[in-house]
Amino acid sequence: MKRLQYASALTRLIGELARLPGIGSKTAQRLAFFLLSAPPEVAVNLAEAIREAREKVRRCSECGNLTDVEPCAVCASDMRNKNVICVVQDPRDVAAIEKYRGYKGVYHVLHGVLSPLAGVGPQELNIQSLLARLANGVVQEVILATNPDVEGDATALYLARLIKPLGIKVTRIAHGLPVGAHLEYADEVTLGKAIEGRREIE
């Protein structure tokens, strides 16, 4: 039996949607058909939101988090404790920790973790700007909040070895989080306990 062929524009739309993380071919088809059957403004608004985000959202020059203002709201806030920096691997981790509402320090986003097999070394991560921030003598503690998996632990250990000689306290979030879990999926209570129970790296 001959396979049904979609219009070329529809095929392209399905293909582009399927490239998104977590979107399989069937979900991509459902989304494509929804966009075509919905009122025109739905697709137009989506396209405009994507365009605007791509044009306006960038990395904060201080912490590396995604922002549309410079510096980002956390770095610019006088209510945040600049003596404590929480190092995370992804902007989504900042959002997860902010839900907890108990952390009042600032952040530094690495945009990844060390992964030799994937070709990700220290040069590919946002590490040099972190060391530059630590050189001002203001920071008293660095909380390493990378995910509790092999790459996250290796990255935390690497950073600890760089930072401790500077005389700055280095702590690691407690493993109230399951091994292999990702911060972005943790509930705020578990994440809060992990931050509160952080331990100093010797």
N, C-alpha and C. Protein backbone atom coordinates (compact mmCIF):
# COMPACT_ATOMS: atom_id res chain seq x y z
N MET A 1 0.85 -1.19 0.00
CA MET A 1 0.00 0.00 0.00
C MET A 1 0.88 1.24 0.00
N LYS A 2 0.54 2.20 -0.83
CA LYS A 2 1.35 3.41 -0.95
C LYS A 2 1.20 4.27 0.29
N ARG A 3 2.35 4.76 0.82
CA ARG A 3 2.34 5.58 2.02
C ARG A 3 1.79 6.96 1.71
N LEU A 4 0.94 7.47 2.64
CA LEU A 4 0.34 8.79 2.45
C LEU A 4 1.42 9.86 2.46
N GLN A 5 1.39 10.73 1.47
CA GLN A 5 2.34 11.83 1.37
C GLN A 5 1.67 13.13 1.78
N TYR A 6 2.26 13.83 2.76
CA TYR A 6 1.73 15.13 3.16
C TYR A 6 2.23 16.20 2.20
N ALA A 7 1.55 17.34 2.21
CA ALA A 7 2.03 18.49 1.46
C ALA A 7 3.44 18.83 1.93
N SER A 8 4.28 19.30 1.04
CA SER A 8 5.69 19.52 1.37
C SER A 8 5.86 20.49 2.54
N ALA A 9 5.03 21.53 2.60
CA ALA A 9 5.14 22.50 3.70
C ALA A 9 4.78 21.84 5.03
N LEU A 10 3.76 20.96 5.01
CA LEU A 10 3.36 20.26 6.22
C LEU A 10 4.45 19.27 6.65
N THR A 11 5.03 18.59 5.69
CA THR A 11 6.12 17.65 5.99
C THR A 11 7.29 18.38 6.64
N ARG A 12 7.60 19.56 6.11
CA ARG A 12 8.69 20.34 6.69
C ARG A 12 8.36 20.77 8.12
N LEU A 13 7.12 21.21 8.35
CA LEU A 13 6.71 21.63 9.69
C LEU A 13 6.83 20.48 10.68
N ILE A 14 6.36 19.31 10.29
CA ILE A 14 6.45 18.13 11.15
C ILE A 14 7.92 17.81 11.44
N GLY A 15 8.74 17.88 10.41
CA GLY A 15 10.16 17.59 10.58
C GLY A 15 10.85 18.55 11.54
N GLU A 16 10.51 19.84 11.43
CA GLU A 16 11.12 20.83 12.32
C GLU A 16 10.66 20.64 13.76
N LEU A 17 9.38 20.35 13.95
CA LEU A 17 8.85 20.12 15.30
C LEU A 17 9.48 18.87 15.92
N ALA A 18 9.72 17.85 15.11
CA ALA A 18 10.29 16.59 15.60
C ALA A 18 11.73 16.77 16.06
N ARG A 19 12.37 17.86 15.67
CA ARG A 19 13.75 18.11 16.09
C ARG A 19 13.82 18.65 17.51
N LEU A 20 12.69 19.07 18.05
CA LEU A 20 12.67 19.60 19.41
C LEU A 20 12.86 18.46 20.41
N PRO A 21 13.56 18.70 21.53
CA PRO A 21 13.78 17.64 22.51
C PRO A 21 12.47 17.15 23.12
N GLY A 22 12.34 15.84 23.21
CA GLY A 22 11.14 15.25 23.80
C GLY A 22 9.96 15.15 22.86
N ILE A 23 10.13 15.57 21.62
CA ILE A 23 9.04 15.52 20.64
C ILE A 23 9.33 14.44 19.62
N GLY A 24 8.53 13.37 19.64
CA GLY A 24 8.66 12.29 18.66
C GLY A 24 7.86 12.62 17.41
N SER A 25 7.90 11.72 16.43
CA SER A 25 7.23 11.98 15.15
C SER A 25 5.71 12.10 15.30
N LYS A 26 5.12 11.26 16.16
CA LYS A 26 3.66 11.31 16.33
C LYS A 26 3.23 12.60 17.02
N THR A 27 3.99 13.01 18.04
CA THR A 27 3.68 14.27 18.72
C THR A 27 3.88 15.44 17.77
N ALA A 28 4.91 15.37 16.95
CA ALA A 28 5.16 16.43 15.97
C ALA A 28 4.00 16.54 14.99
N GLN A 29 3.46 15.40 14.56
CA GLN A 29 2.30 15.42 13.67
C GLN A 29 1.09 16.06 14.34
N ARG A 30 0.84 15.68 15.60
CA ARG A 30 -0.29 16.26 16.33
C ARG A 30 -0.16 17.76 16.46
N LEU A 31 1.04 18.23 16.80
CA LEU A 31 1.28 19.66 16.94
C LEU A 31 1.09 20.39 15.61
N ALA A 32 1.61 19.79 14.55
CA ALA A 32 1.49 20.40 13.22
C ALA A 32 0.03 20.54 12.80
N PHE A 33 -0.74 19.47 12.97
CA PHE A 33 -2.16 19.52 12.59
C PHE A 33 -2.93 20.49 13.48
N PHE A 34 -2.53 20.58 14.77
CA PHE A 34 -3.18 21.55 15.65
C PHE A 34 -2.93 22.97 15.17
N LEU A 35 -1.67 23.27 14.83
CA LEU A 35 -1.33 24.62 14.37
C LEU A 35 -2.06 24.99 13.08
N LEU A 36 -2.28 24.00 12.23
CA LEU A 36 -2.98 24.27 10.96
C LEU A 36 -4.48 24.43 11.16
N SER A 37 -5.03 23.78 12.17
CA SER A 37 -6.48 23.86 12.38
C SER A 37 -6.88 24.95 13.37
N ALA A 38 -5.92 25.45 14.16
CA ALA A 38 -6.20 26.50 15.13
C ALA A 38 -6.40 27.84 14.41
N PRO A 39 -6.99 28.82 15.09
CA PRO A 39 -7.10 30.16 14.50
C PRO A 39 -5.72 30.68 14.07
N PRO A 40 -5.64 31.42 13.00
CA PRO A 40 -4.33 31.86 12.47
C PRO A 40 -3.45 32.56 13.49
N GLU A 41 -4.08 33.30 14.43
CA GLU A 41 -3.25 34.06 15.38
C GLU A 41 -2.46 33.15 16.32
N VAL A 42 -2.91 31.90 16.50
CA VAL A 42 -2.17 30.98 17.37
C VAL A 42 -0.78 30.71 16.78
N ALA A 43 -0.74 30.37 15.51
CA ALA A 43 0.55 30.12 14.86
C ALA A 43 1.37 31.39 14.75
N VAL A 44 0.71 32.50 14.44
CA VAL A 44 1.42 33.78 14.31
C VAL A 44 2.05 34.19 15.64
N ASN A 45 1.28 34.06 16.73
CA ASN A 45 1.80 34.42 18.06
C ASN A 45 2.96 33.53 18.46
N LEU A 46 2.86 32.23 18.15
CA LEU A 46 3.94 31.31 18.47
C LEU A 46 5.21 31.69 17.70
N ALA A 47 5.06 31.94 16.42
CA ALA A 47 6.21 32.31 15.60
C ALA A 47 6.83 33.62 16.10
N GLU A 48 5.99 34.57 16.49
CA GLU A 48 6.49 35.86 16.98
C GLU A 48 7.21 35.69 18.31
N ALA A 49 6.67 34.82 19.19
CA ALA A 49 7.31 34.58 20.49
C ALA A 49 8.69 33.94 20.31
N ILE A 50 8.79 33.01 19.37
CA ILE A 50 10.07 32.37 19.08
C ILE A 50 11.06 33.39 18.53
N ARG A 51 10.60 34.20 17.59
CA ARG A 51 11.47 35.22 16.99
C ARG A 51 11.96 36.22 18.04
N GLU A 52 11.04 36.68 18.89
CA GLU A 52 11.40 37.66 19.91
C GLU A 52 12.39 37.08 20.91
N ALA A 53 12.16 35.83 21.32
CA ALA A 53 13.08 35.20 22.26
C ALA A 53 14.47 35.05 21.66
N ARG A 54 14.52 34.63 20.40
CA ARG A 54 15.82 34.46 19.74
C ARG A 54 16.55 35.80 19.62
N GLU A 55 15.82 36.88 19.42
CA GLU A 55 16.44 38.19 19.23
C GLU A 55 16.86 38.84 20.54
N LYS A 56 16.05 38.66 21.60
CA LYS A 56 16.25 39.44 22.81
C LYS A 56 16.91 38.69 23.96
N VAL A 57 16.75 37.38 24.02
CA VAL A 57 17.30 36.63 25.15
C VAL A 57 18.77 36.30 24.88
N ARG A 58 19.59 36.60 25.86
CA ARG A 58 21.03 36.35 25.75
C ARG A 58 21.57 35.97 27.12
N ARG A 59 22.85 35.71 27.19
CA ARG A 59 23.49 35.35 28.46
C ARG A 59 23.85 36.62 29.23
N CYS A 60 23.55 36.60 30.53
CA CYS A 60 23.97 37.68 31.41
C CYS A 60 25.50 37.73 31.42
N SER A 61 26.05 38.93 31.31
CA SER A 61 27.51 39.05 31.26
C SER A 61 28.17 38.70 32.59
N GLU A 62 27.40 38.71 33.68
CA GLU A 62 27.97 38.40 34.99
C GLU A 62 27.85 36.92 35.34
N CYS A 63 26.63 36.37 35.24
CA CYS A 63 26.41 35.01 35.73
C CYS A 63 26.19 33.98 34.63
N GLY A 64 25.89 34.42 33.41
CA GLY A 64 25.67 33.49 32.32
C GLY A 64 24.25 32.98 32.22
N ASN A 65 23.34 33.42 33.11
CA ASN A 65 21.94 33.01 33.00
C ASN A 65 21.29 33.69 31.81
N LEU A 66 20.20 33.12 31.32
CA LEU A 66 19.50 33.72 30.19
C LEU A 66 18.68 34.92 30.66
N THR A 67 18.74 36.00 29.92
CA THR A 67 18.08 37.23 30.32
C THR A 67 17.77 38.10 29.11
N ASP A 68 16.85 39.05 29.29
CA ASP A 68 16.60 40.04 28.24
C ASP A 68 16.95 41.44 28.73
N VAL A 69 17.56 41.52 29.93
CA VAL A 69 18.09 42.78 30.45
C VAL A 69 19.53 42.54 30.90
N GLU A 70 20.31 43.60 30.98
CA GLU A 70 21.72 43.45 31.32
C GLU A 70 22.10 44.36 32.49
N PRO A 71 22.58 43.84 33.62
CA PRO A 71 22.67 42.41 33.93
C PRO A 71 21.30 41.83 34.24
N CYS A 72 21.25 40.53 34.51
CA CYS A 72 19.97 39.89 34.78
C CYS A 72 19.39 40.40 36.10
N ALA A 73 18.11 40.10 36.35
CA ALA A 73 17.43 40.62 37.53
C ALA A 73 18.08 40.17 38.84
N VAL A 74 18.59 38.94 38.88
CA VAL A 74 19.23 38.44 40.10
C VAL A 74 20.52 39.20 40.37
N CYS A 75 21.37 39.33 39.36
CA CYS A 75 22.65 40.03 39.53
C CYS A 75 22.44 41.50 39.87
N ALA A 76 21.38 42.11 39.34
CA ALA A 76 21.13 43.53 39.55
C ALA A 76 20.47 43.83 40.89
N SER A 77 19.92 42.81 41.53
CA SER A 77 19.15 43.03 42.76
C SER A 77 20.04 43.36 43.96
N ASP A 78 19.66 44.41 44.70
CA ASP A 78 20.35 44.76 45.93
C ASP A 78 19.95 43.85 47.08
N MET A 79 18.91 43.04 46.86
CA MET A 79 18.40 42.14 47.91
C MET A 79 19.13 40.80 47.93
N ARG A 80 19.99 40.55 46.94
CA ARG A 80 20.70 39.27 46.87
C ARG A 80 22.06 39.38 47.56
N ASN A 81 22.46 38.27 48.19
CA ASN A 81 23.74 38.20 48.88
C ASN A 81 24.84 37.87 47.88
N LYS A 82 25.67 38.86 47.56
CA LYS A 82 26.73 38.69 46.57
C LYS A 82 27.92 37.91 47.12
N ASN A 83 27.87 37.58 48.42
CA ASN A 83 28.97 36.82 49.03
C ASN A 83 28.88 35.32 48.74
N VAL A 84 27.72 34.87 48.25
CA VAL A 84 27.50 33.45 47.99
C VAL A 84 27.10 33.25 46.54
N ILE A 85 27.81 32.38 45.84
CA ILE A 85 27.49 32.06 44.45
C ILE A 85 27.11 30.58 44.36
N CYS A 86 25.97 30.30 43.78
CA CYS A 86 25.53 28.93 43.54
C CYS A 86 25.83 28.60 42.08
N VAL A 87 26.69 27.62 41.85
CA VAL A 87 27.08 27.24 40.49
C VAL A 87 26.19 26.11 40.00
N VAL A 88 25.51 26.34 38.88
CA VAL A 88 24.63 25.33 38.29
C VAL A 88 25.07 25.08 36.86
N GLN A 89 24.56 23.98 36.29
CA GLN A 89 25.01 23.65 34.94
C GLN A 89 24.09 24.15 33.84
N ASP A 90 22.88 24.57 34.19
CA ASP A 90 21.91 24.92 33.16
C ASP A 90 20.99 26.03 33.66
N PRO A 91 20.54 26.95 32.78
CA PRO A 91 19.61 28.00 33.22
C PRO A 91 18.34 27.46 33.86
N ARG A 92 17.91 26.26 33.44
CA ARG A 92 16.71 25.68 34.04
C ARG A 92 16.91 25.37 35.52
N ASP A 93 18.17 25.15 35.92
CA ASP A 93 18.46 24.88 37.33
C ASP A 93 18.26 26.13 38.18
N VAL A 94 18.55 27.30 37.61
CA VAL A 94 18.30 28.56 38.32
C VAL A 94 16.81 28.68 38.61
N ALA A 95 15.99 28.42 37.61
CA ALA A 95 14.54 28.50 37.79
C ALA A 95 14.06 27.52 38.86
N ALA A 96 14.66 26.32 38.89
CA ALA A 96 14.26 25.32 39.87
C ALA A 96 14.61 25.77 41.29
N ILE A 97 15.80 26.32 41.47
CA ILE A 97 16.21 26.76 42.81
C ILE A 97 15.42 27.99 43.24
N GLU A 98 15.08 28.86 42.31
CA GLU A 98 14.30 30.05 42.66
C GLU A 98 12.92 29.70 43.18
N LYS A 99 12.37 28.56 42.76
CA LYS A 99 11.07 28.12 43.27
C LYS A 99 11.14 27.84 44.77
N TYR A 100 12.30 27.44 45.23
CA TYR A 100 12.51 27.13 46.65
C TYR A 100 12.35 28.38 47.51
N ARG A 101 12.77 29.52 47.01
CA ARG A 101 12.63 30.84 47.66
C ARG A 101 13.49 31.02 48.91
N GLY A 102 14.21 30.00 49.32
CA GLY A 102 15.04 30.12 50.52
C GLY A 102 16.46 30.55 50.22
N TYR A 103 16.87 30.44 48.97
CA TYR A 103 18.23 30.82 48.60
C TYR A 103 18.27 32.29 48.22
N LYS A 104 19.16 33.06 48.84
CA LYS A 104 19.21 34.50 48.64
C LYS A 104 20.53 34.98 48.02
N GLY A 105 21.37 34.02 47.61
CA GLY A 105 22.62 34.41 46.98
C GLY A 105 22.44 34.65 45.49
N VAL A 106 23.54 34.63 44.76
CA VAL A 106 23.51 34.80 43.30
C VAL A 106 23.92 33.49 42.64
N TYR A 107 23.97 33.49 41.33
CA TYR A 107 24.21 32.25 40.57
C TYR A 107 25.38 32.41 39.60
N HIS A 108 25.83 31.25 39.13
CA HIS A 108 26.73 31.21 37.97
C HIS A 108 26.37 29.98 37.16
N VAL A 109 26.08 30.17 35.88
CA VAL A 109 25.63 29.08 35.02
C VAL A 109 26.78 28.61 34.13
N LEU A 110 27.10 27.33 34.21
CA LEU A 110 28.21 26.77 33.44
C LEU A 110 27.84 26.48 31.99
N HIS A 111 26.57 26.24 31.73
CA HIS A 111 26.08 25.83 30.40
C HIS A 111 26.70 24.49 29.99
N GLY A 112 26.63 23.54 30.92
CA GLY A 112 27.09 22.19 30.62
C GLY A 112 27.92 21.64 31.76
N VAL A 113 28.44 20.45 31.55
CA VAL A 113 29.33 19.79 32.52
C VAL A 113 30.47 19.14 31.76
N LEU A 114 31.53 18.83 32.48
CA LEU A 114 32.66 18.15 31.86
C LEU A 114 32.24 16.78 31.37
N SER A 115 32.53 16.49 30.13
CA SER A 115 32.18 15.20 29.55
C SER A 115 33.17 14.87 28.44
N PRO A 116 34.31 14.26 28.79
CA PRO A 116 35.35 13.97 27.80
C PRO A 116 34.84 13.16 26.61
N LEU A 117 33.93 12.21 26.86
CA LEU A 117 33.41 11.39 25.77
C LEU A 117 32.63 12.22 24.76
N ALA A 118 32.00 13.31 25.23
CA ALA A 118 31.23 14.18 24.35
C ALA A 118 32.07 15.35 23.85
N GLY A 119 33.35 15.35 24.21
CA GLY A 119 34.24 16.42 23.76
C GLY A 119 34.05 17.73 24.50
N VAL A 120 33.49 17.67 25.72
CA VAL A 120 33.27 18.89 26.50
C VAL A 120 34.34 18.98 27.59
N GLY A 121 35.25 19.93 27.42
CA GLY A 121 36.29 20.17 28.41
C GLY A 121 36.06 21.49 29.12
N PRO A 122 36.98 21.89 29.99
CA PRO A 122 36.83 23.15 30.73
C PRO A 122 36.66 24.37 29.82
N GLN A 123 37.31 24.34 28.65
CA GLN A 123 37.25 25.49 27.75
C GLN A 123 35.85 25.71 27.18
N GLU A 124 35.05 24.65 27.12
CA GLU A 124 33.70 24.76 26.58
C GLU A 124 32.69 25.25 27.61
N LEU A 125 33.09 25.32 28.87
CA LEU A 125 32.18 25.73 29.93
C LEU A 125 32.46 27.17 30.37
N ASN A 126 31.48 27.76 31.06
CA ASN A 126 31.58 29.14 31.51
C ASN A 126 32.35 29.19 32.84
N ILE A 127 33.62 28.78 32.80
CA ILE A 127 34.43 28.68 34.01
C ILE A 127 35.33 29.89 34.20
N GLN A 128 35.92 30.42 33.13
CA GLN A 128 36.84 31.55 33.28
C GLN A 128 36.15 32.77 33.86
N SER A 129 34.90 33.00 33.47
CA SER A 129 34.18 34.16 34.03
C SER A 129 33.85 33.94 35.50
N LEU A 130 33.68 32.68 35.92
CA LEU A 130 33.47 32.38 37.34
C LEU A 130 34.73 32.74 38.12
N LEU A 131 35.89 32.32 37.64
CA LEU A 131 37.14 32.62 38.32
C LEU A 131 37.38 34.12 38.38
N ALA A 132 36.97 34.84 37.34
CA ALA A 132 37.10 36.30 37.33
C ALA A 132 36.21 36.93 38.41
N ARG A 133 35.02 36.37 38.60
CA ARG A 133 34.12 36.88 39.64
C ARG A 133 34.70 36.64 41.04
N LEU A 134 35.40 35.53 41.19
CA LEU A 134 35.94 35.19 42.50
C LEU A 134 37.18 36.02 42.85
N ALA A 135 37.78 36.66 41.85
CA ALA A 135 39.01 37.41 42.07
C ALA A 135 38.77 38.75 42.77
N ASN A 136 37.49 39.17 42.87
CA ASN A 136 37.22 40.49 43.46
C ASN A 136 37.26 40.51 44.99
N GLY A 137 37.40 39.33 45.62
CA GLY A 137 37.51 39.26 47.06
C GLY A 137 36.21 39.38 47.83
N VAL A 138 35.09 39.47 47.12
CA VAL A 138 33.78 39.62 47.77
C VAL A 138 33.18 38.28 48.13
N VAL A 139 33.35 37.29 47.27
CA VAL A 139 32.70 35.98 47.44
C VAL A 139 33.34 35.20 48.58
N GLN A 140 32.49 34.71 49.49
CA GLN A 140 32.97 33.94 50.64
C GLN A 140 32.65 32.44 50.52
N GLU A 141 31.62 32.11 49.73
CA GLU A 141 31.24 30.70 49.57
C GLU A 141 30.76 30.44 48.15
N VAL A 142 31.17 29.30 47.62
CA VAL A 142 30.67 28.83 46.33
C VAL A 142 29.96 27.50 46.57
N ILE A 143 28.68 27.47 46.22
CA ILE A 143 27.89 26.23 46.34
C ILE A 143 27.90 25.54 44.98
N LEU A 144 28.39 24.33 44.92
CA LEU A 144 28.42 23.59 43.67
C LEU A 144 27.14 22.76 43.58
N ALA A 145 26.25 23.17 42.69
CA ALA A 145 24.93 22.54 42.57
C ALA A 145 24.74 21.88 41.22
N THR A 146 25.80 21.24 40.74
CA THR A 146 25.67 20.45 39.51
C THR A 146 24.87 19.19 39.84
N ASN A 147 24.31 18.56 38.84
CA ASN A 147 23.47 17.38 39.06
C ASN A 147 24.28 16.25 39.70
N PRO A 148 23.64 15.45 40.58
CA PRO A 148 24.34 14.36 41.25
C PRO A 148 24.49 13.12 40.38
N ASP A 149 25.22 13.27 39.28
CA ASP A 149 25.53 12.12 38.43
C ASP A 149 27.04 12.14 38.16
N VAL A 150 27.52 11.25 37.33
CA VAL A 150 28.97 11.11 37.12
C VAL A 150 29.58 12.41 36.60
N GLU A 151 28.98 13.01 35.56
CA GLU A 151 29.52 14.23 34.98
C GLU A 151 29.41 15.41 35.95
N GLY A 152 28.27 15.49 36.65
CA GLY A 152 28.07 16.58 37.60
C GLY A 152 29.06 16.51 38.75
N ASP A 153 29.29 15.30 39.26
CA ASP A 153 30.24 15.13 40.36
C ASP A 153 31.66 15.45 39.90
N ALA A 154 32.02 15.01 38.70
CA ALA A 154 33.36 15.27 38.18
C ALA A 154 33.58 16.78 37.99
N THR A 155 32.55 17.46 37.52
CA THR A 155 32.64 18.91 37.33
C THR A 155 32.78 19.62 38.66
N ALA A 156 32.01 19.19 39.66
CA ALA A 156 32.09 19.79 40.99
C ALA A 156 33.48 19.61 41.59
N LEU A 157 34.04 18.42 41.44
CA LEU A 157 35.38 18.15 41.97
C LEU A 157 36.44 19.00 41.26
N TYR A 158 36.31 19.13 39.95
CA TYR A 158 37.25 19.95 39.18
C TYR A 158 37.19 21.40 39.65
N LEU A 159 35.98 21.94 39.82
CA LEU A 159 35.82 23.32 40.25
C LEU A 159 36.34 23.53 41.67
N ALA A 160 36.08 22.55 42.53
CA ALA A 160 36.55 22.66 43.92
C ALA A 160 38.06 22.78 43.97
N ARG A 161 38.75 22.02 43.13
CA ARG A 161 40.21 22.06 43.11
C ARG A 161 40.74 23.39 42.59
N LEU A 162 39.95 24.07 41.75
CA LEU A 162 40.34 25.39 41.26
C LEU A 162 40.08 26.48 42.30
N ILE A 163 38.97 26.34 43.02
CA ILE A 163 38.49 27.42 43.89
C ILE A 163 39.10 27.40 45.29
N LYS A 164 39.28 26.22 45.87
CA LYS A 164 39.74 26.14 47.26
C LYS A 164 41.10 26.84 47.49
N PRO A 165 42.05 26.77 46.56
CA PRO A 165 43.31 27.49 46.79
C PRO A 165 43.13 29.01 46.89
N LEU A 166 41.96 29.52 46.47
CA LEU A 166 41.70 30.96 46.56
C LEU A 166 41.26 31.36 47.96
N GLY A 167 41.10 30.37 48.86
CA GLY A 167 40.69 30.67 50.22
C GLY A 167 39.19 30.87 50.37
N ILE A 168 38.42 30.39 49.41
CA ILE A 168 36.96 30.52 49.42
C ILE A 168 36.34 29.19 49.83
N LYS A 169 35.35 29.26 50.71
CA LYS A 169 34.66 28.05 51.14
C LYS A 169 33.91 27.44 49.96
N VAL A 170 34.07 26.14 49.76
CA VAL A 170 33.41 25.43 48.65
C VAL A 170 32.52 24.34 49.23
N THR A 171 31.23 24.40 48.92
CA THR A 171 30.30 23.38 49.41
C THR A 171 29.61 22.70 48.24
N ARG A 172 29.08 21.52 48.52
CA ARG A 172 28.35 20.73 47.52
C ARG A 172 26.96 20.48 48.06
N ILE A 173 25.93 20.61 47.22
CA ILE A 173 24.57 20.37 47.69
C ILE A 173 24.47 18.95 48.21
N ALA A 174 23.66 18.77 49.25
CA ALA A 174 23.48 17.45 49.84
C ALA A 174 22.78 16.52 48.86
N HIS A 175 22.97 15.23 49.04
CA HIS A 175 22.36 14.26 48.14
C HIS A 175 21.00 13.82 48.62
N GLY A 176 20.17 14.83 49.00
CA GLY A 176 18.76 14.54 49.23
C GLY A 176 18.12 14.24 47.88
N LEU A 177 18.83 14.65 46.83
CA LEU A 177 18.40 14.35 45.47
C LEU A 177 18.86 12.95 45.11
N PRO A 178 18.03 12.17 44.43
CA PRO A 178 18.46 10.83 44.01
C PRO A 178 19.65 10.91 43.07
N VAL A 179 20.56 9.95 43.19
CA VAL A 179 21.71 9.92 42.30
C VAL A 179 21.22 9.80 40.85
N GLY A 180 21.77 10.65 40.00
CA GLY A 180 21.36 10.65 38.60
C GLY A 180 20.20 11.57 38.31
N ALA A 181 19.63 12.20 39.36
CA ALA A 181 18.48 13.09 39.15
C ALA A 181 18.96 14.44 38.61
N HIS A 182 18.05 15.19 38.02
CA HIS A 182 18.35 16.51 37.52
C HIS A 182 17.64 17.55 38.36
N LEU A 183 18.31 18.65 38.67
CA LEU A 183 17.75 19.67 39.53
C LEU A 183 16.42 20.20 39.02
N GLU A 184 16.32 20.36 37.72
CA GLU A 184 15.11 20.98 37.16
C GLU A 184 13.85 20.18 37.44
N TYR A 185 13.99 18.88 37.74
CA TYR A 185 12.82 18.03 37.97
C TYR A 185 12.53 17.83 39.46
N ALA A 186 13.40 18.36 40.33
CA ALA A 186 13.21 18.17 41.77
C ALA A 186 12.15 19.13 42.29
N ASP A 187 11.37 18.67 43.29
CA ASP A 187 10.40 19.58 43.90
C ASP A 187 11.14 20.54 44.82
N GLU A 188 10.50 21.67 45.13
CA GLU A 188 11.19 22.72 45.88
C GLU A 188 11.59 22.30 47.29
N VAL A 189 10.82 21.41 47.92
CA VAL A 189 11.16 20.96 49.27
C VAL A 189 12.45 20.15 49.25
N THR A 190 12.53 19.17 48.34
CA THR A 190 13.74 18.35 48.21
C THR A 190 14.95 19.21 47.86
N LEU A 191 14.75 20.14 46.93
CA LEU A 191 15.84 21.01 46.50
C LEU A 191 16.27 21.92 47.63
N GLY A 192 15.30 22.41 48.39
CA GLY A 192 15.61 23.26 49.53
C GLY A 192 16.44 22.54 50.57
N LYS A 193 16.06 21.30 50.87
CA LYS A 193 16.81 20.49 51.84
C LYS A 193 18.23 20.21 51.33
N ALA A 194 18.36 20.02 50.02
CA ALA A 194 19.68 19.75 49.45
C ALA A 194 20.59 20.95 49.60
N ILE A 195 20.03 22.15 49.45
CA ILE A 195 20.84 23.37 49.60
C ILE A 195 21.15 23.61 51.07
N GLU A 196 20.15 23.46 51.93
CA GLU A 196 20.36 23.67 53.37
C GLU A 196 21.38 22.69 53.93
N GLY A 197 21.36 21.45 53.42
CA GLY A 197 22.24 20.41 53.94
C GLY A 197 23.56 20.32 53.20
N ARG A 198 23.93 21.35 52.45
CA ARG A 198 25.19 21.30 51.70
C ARG A 198 26.35 21.07 52.65
N ARG A 199 27.39 20.41 52.13
CA ARG A 199 28.58 20.11 52.94
C ARG A 199 29.81 20.68 52.27
N GLU A 200 30.77 21.02 53.08
CA GLU A 200 32.00 21.59 52.55
C GLU A 200 32.83 20.50 51.89
N ILE A 201 33.41 20.84 50.76
CA ILE A 201 34.28 19.90 50.06
C ILE A 201 35.69 20.04 50.62
N GLU A 202 36.22 18.93 51.09
CA GLU A 202 37.56 18.94 51.71
C GLU A 202 38.64 18.97 50.63
